[in-house]
Amino acid sequence: MKKILVISGTVAGLMLSLPALSHAQQLARSTQVTPQAPRDVKATREIRVISSAGARAMADACSAWAEQNKQVVAMAILDWGGNLIESHAMEGAAMNAIDTALLKAKSALRWRRPTSETNKMVRNGQNLAPTFMRDFPQPGALPIVVNGEVIGAMGVSGADGEKCAQAAIDAVFNGKAVSSAR
């Protein structure tokens, strides 16, 4: 008999310690509406990504262009989310060249325009946000745009970086990509 009383006492004590909901709270809970998405919403979308092979081909094309033009460059290729897919530095590239190429590529991707354009905006005072946002608006990087969608960016450090990146984009995408989202 004592065991039953102890258990009953414990259950009663637990019930007393539970927070009691007011009538208004109970009413609000019973009438809550669960939000539903409209039926015509597309919950996913397809995105283009630069493949590893495509990024490697871009690095090779940029290196070939640089060699032909007697220049030494380093490059970084990013996907649409800013992830590094490929980087390469030619022999003789400066120690910080890959880091610089990566910073340029990130800036081109964020601003969706060639870094030379962003550089002009900053220099003429039209938009100083890139400097406050820790971007690197120095010429040498291009966004890669296919069918109006930015799918990545290529940053090149050294010499004529944007020309090298443009040559790589043209070679790999066969004219189906542009270097500006506008």
Protein backbone atom coordinates (compact mmCIF):
# COMPACT_ATOMS: atom_id res chain seq x y z
CA MET A 1 0.00 0.00 0.00
CA LYS A 2 2.82 2.41 0.80
CA LYS A 3 4.31 1.90 -2.63
CA ILE A 4 1.12 3.02 -4.30
CA LEU A 5 0.91 6.13 -2.16
CA VAL A 6 4.52 7.06 -2.90
CA ILE A 7 3.97 6.71 -6.64
CA SER A 8 0.70 8.60 -6.47
CA GLY A 9 2.36 11.34 -4.46
CA THR A 10 5.15 11.64 -7.00
CA VAL A 11 2.72 11.85 -9.90
CA ALA A 12 0.62 14.43 -8.09
CA GLY A 13 3.76 16.47 -7.30
CA LEU A 14 4.84 16.38 -10.94
CA MET A 15 1.42 17.48 -12.08
CA LEU A 16 1.49 20.42 -9.70
CA SER A 17 4.90 21.48 -11.00
CA LEU A 18 3.73 21.60 -14.63
CA PRO A 19 2.91 25.10 -15.82
CA ALA A 20 -0.78 25.62 -16.23
CA LEU A 21 -1.93 27.32 -19.40
CA SER A 22 -4.46 30.06 -19.09
CA HIS A 23 -7.73 29.76 -20.96
CA ALA A 24 -6.50 32.42 -23.43
CA GLN A 25 -3.29 30.47 -24.06
CA GLN A 26 -5.23 27.25 -24.60
CA LEU A 27 -7.57 29.04 -27.00
CA ALA A 28 -4.64 30.58 -28.92
CA ARG A 29 -2.97 27.18 -29.28
CA SER A 30 -6.13 25.57 -30.58
CA THR A 31 -6.69 28.26 -33.22
CA GLN A 32 -3.11 28.60 -34.53
CA VAL A 33 -2.83 28.31 -38.28
CA THR A 34 0.08 26.43 -39.77
CA PRO A 35 1.51 28.51 -42.62
CA GLN A 36 1.54 26.80 -45.99
CA ALA A 37 3.47 27.77 -49.08
CA PRO A 38 1.47 28.63 -52.18
CA ARG A 39 1.05 25.63 -54.44
CA ASP A 40 2.91 27.24 -57.35
CA VAL A 41 6.18 27.80 -55.42
CA LYS A 42 9.14 25.95 -56.83
CA ALA A 43 10.99 24.66 -53.76
CA THR A 44 14.24 23.92 -55.60
CA ARG A 45 16.09 25.23 -58.59
CA GLU A 46 18.78 24.01 -60.88
CA ILE A 47 22.05 25.87 -60.91
CA ARG A 48 25.04 25.62 -63.15
CA VAL A 49 28.36 24.85 -61.55
CA ILE A 50 31.86 25.02 -62.91
CA SER A 51 33.26 21.51 -62.92
CA SER A 52 36.75 20.70 -61.68
CA ALA A 53 37.71 19.82 -65.25
CA GLY A 54 36.29 23.14 -66.48
CA ALA A 55 38.22 25.08 -63.84
CA ARG A 56 41.43 23.21 -64.69
CA ALA A 57 40.87 23.97 -68.39
CA MET A 58 40.44 27.67 -67.51
CA ALA A 59 43.72 27.64 -65.56
CA ASP A 60 45.47 25.97 -68.50
CA ALA A 61 43.99 28.44 -71.00
CA CYS A 62 45.01 31.43 -68.87
CA SER A 63 48.53 30.01 -68.46
CA ALA A 64 48.81 29.50 -72.22
CA TRP A 65 47.65 33.07 -72.85
CA ALA A 66 50.16 34.41 -70.31
CA GLU A 67 53.03 32.42 -71.81
CA GLN A 68 52.13 33.63 -75.29
CA ASN A 69 52.15 37.21 -74.01
CA LYS A 70 55.36 36.71 -71.99
CA GLN A 71 53.65 37.28 -68.64
CA VAL A 72 53.73 35.44 -65.33
CA VAL A 73 50.43 35.11 -63.48
CA ALA A 74 48.65 33.25 -60.71
CA MET A 75 44.94 32.53 -60.77
CA ALA A 76 42.01 31.42 -58.65
CA ILE A 77 38.69 30.08 -59.94
CA LEU A 78 35.62 30.12 -57.69
CA ASP A 79 32.21 28.51 -58.05
CA TRP A 80 28.95 30.47 -57.62
CA GLY A 81 29.14 30.12 -53.82
CA GLY A 82 32.68 31.45 -53.53
CA ASN A 83 34.31 28.06 -53.07
CA LEU A 84 37.79 27.69 -54.53
CA ILE A 85 37.75 25.11 -57.32
CA GLU A 86 41.18 25.65 -58.84
CA SER A 87 44.26 27.75 -58.22
CA HIS A 88 47.54 27.85 -60.05
CA ALA A 89 50.68 29.95 -60.04
CA MET A 90 53.13 29.96 -62.91
CA GLU A 91 56.83 29.64 -62.15
CA GLY A 92 58.17 32.98 -61.05
CA ALA A 93 54.86 34.30 -59.70
CA ALA A 94 55.11 36.48 -56.62
CA MET A 95 54.74 34.82 -53.22
CA ASN A 96 51.39 36.49 -52.55
CA ALA A 97 50.02 36.06 -56.08
CA ILE A 98 47.56 33.23 -55.38
CA ASP A 99 46.17 35.06 -52.34
CA THR A 100 45.79 38.21 -54.42
CA ALA A 101 44.06 36.30 -57.23
CA LEU A 102 41.68 34.73 -54.71
CA LEU A 103 40.79 38.12 -53.19
CA LYS A 104 40.16 39.57 -56.64
CA ALA A 105 37.95 36.62 -57.63
CA LYS A 106 35.89 36.99 -54.45
CA SER A 107 35.38 40.69 -55.19
CA ALA A 108 34.30 40.00 -58.77
CA LEU A 109 31.87 37.36 -57.55
CA ARG A 110 30.36 39.55 -54.81
CA TRP A 111 29.95 42.64 -57.00
CA ARG A 112 29.06 40.63 -60.14
CA ARG A 113 31.27 42.79 -62.31
CA PRO A 114 34.90 43.02 -63.40
CA THR A 115 37.09 44.27 -60.58
CA SER A 116 38.36 47.05 -62.87
CA GLU A 117 34.81 48.51 -62.81
CA THR A 118 34.60 48.18 -59.03
CA ASN A 119 38.01 49.86 -58.78
CA LYS A 120 36.74 52.83 -60.80
CA MET A 121 33.66 53.14 -58.55
CA VAL A 122 35.85 53.24 -55.45
CA ARG A 123 38.43 55.63 -56.91
CA ASN A 124 35.86 58.20 -58.05
CA GLY A 125 33.97 57.97 -54.75
CA GLN A 126 30.79 56.67 -56.39
CA ASN A 127 30.69 53.66 -54.04
CA LEU A 128 33.13 53.06 -51.18
CA ALA A 129 31.35 49.96 -49.86
CA PRO A 130 33.89 47.53 -51.38
CA THR A 131 36.60 48.99 -49.16
CA PHE A 132 34.43 48.83 -46.04
CA MET A 133 33.39 45.27 -46.88
CA ARG A 134 37.01 44.12 -47.02
CA ASP A 135 36.87 43.45 -50.73
CA PHE A 136 39.88 43.81 -52.99
CA PRO A 137 38.68 45.96 -55.88
CA GLN A 138 41.88 45.82 -57.90
CA PRO A 139 41.75 45.06 -61.64
CA GLY A 140 42.29 41.43 -62.55
CA ALA A 141 39.11 39.44 -61.99
CA LEU A 142 35.91 38.71 -63.89
CA PRO A 143 32.62 37.09 -62.91
CA ILE A 144 31.58 34.20 -65.15
CA VAL A 145 28.00 34.63 -66.35
CA VAL A 146 26.08 31.99 -68.31
CA ASN A 147 22.50 32.77 -69.43
CA GLY A 148 22.35 35.73 -67.05
CA GLU A 149 23.36 33.61 -64.05
CA VAL A 150 26.67 34.19 -62.25
CA ILE A 151 28.24 30.74 -61.98
CA GLY A 152 31.63 31.76 -60.61
CA ALA A 153 34.57 34.09 -60.99
CA MET A 154 38.18 34.01 -62.07
CA GLY A 155 40.82 36.18 -60.46
CA VAL A 156 44.27 36.67 -61.96
CA SER A 157 47.21 38.30 -60.25
CA GLY A 158 49.90 39.86 -62.37
CA ALA A 159 50.18 41.67 -65.67
CA ASP A 160 46.95 41.86 -67.70
CA GLY A 161 44.80 39.77 -65.35
CA GLU A 162 41.40 40.53 -66.83
CA LYS A 163 42.62 39.88 -70.37
CA CYS A 164 44.03 36.53 -69.24
CA ALA A 165 40.76 35.65 -67.46
CA GLN A 166 38.71 36.69 -70.50
CA ALA A 167 40.88 34.53 -72.78
CA ALA A 168 40.30 31.57 -70.43
CA ILE A 169 36.53 32.14 -70.24
CA ASP A 170 36.31 32.44 -74.03
CA ALA A 171 38.40 29.30 -74.59
CA VAL A 172 36.49 27.10 -72.16
CA PHE A 173 32.94 28.35 -72.61
CA ASN A 174 33.17 28.89 -76.38
CA GLY A 175 31.49 32.28 -76.26
CA LYS A 176 28.54 31.05 -74.15
CA ALA A 177 29.73 32.94 -71.06
CA VAL A 178 30.17 36.65 -70.51
CA SER A 179 32.11 38.54 -67.90
CA SER A 180 29.48 40.89 -66.57
CA ALA A 181 26.09 40.29 -64.95
CA ARG A 182 24.73 43.56 -66.34
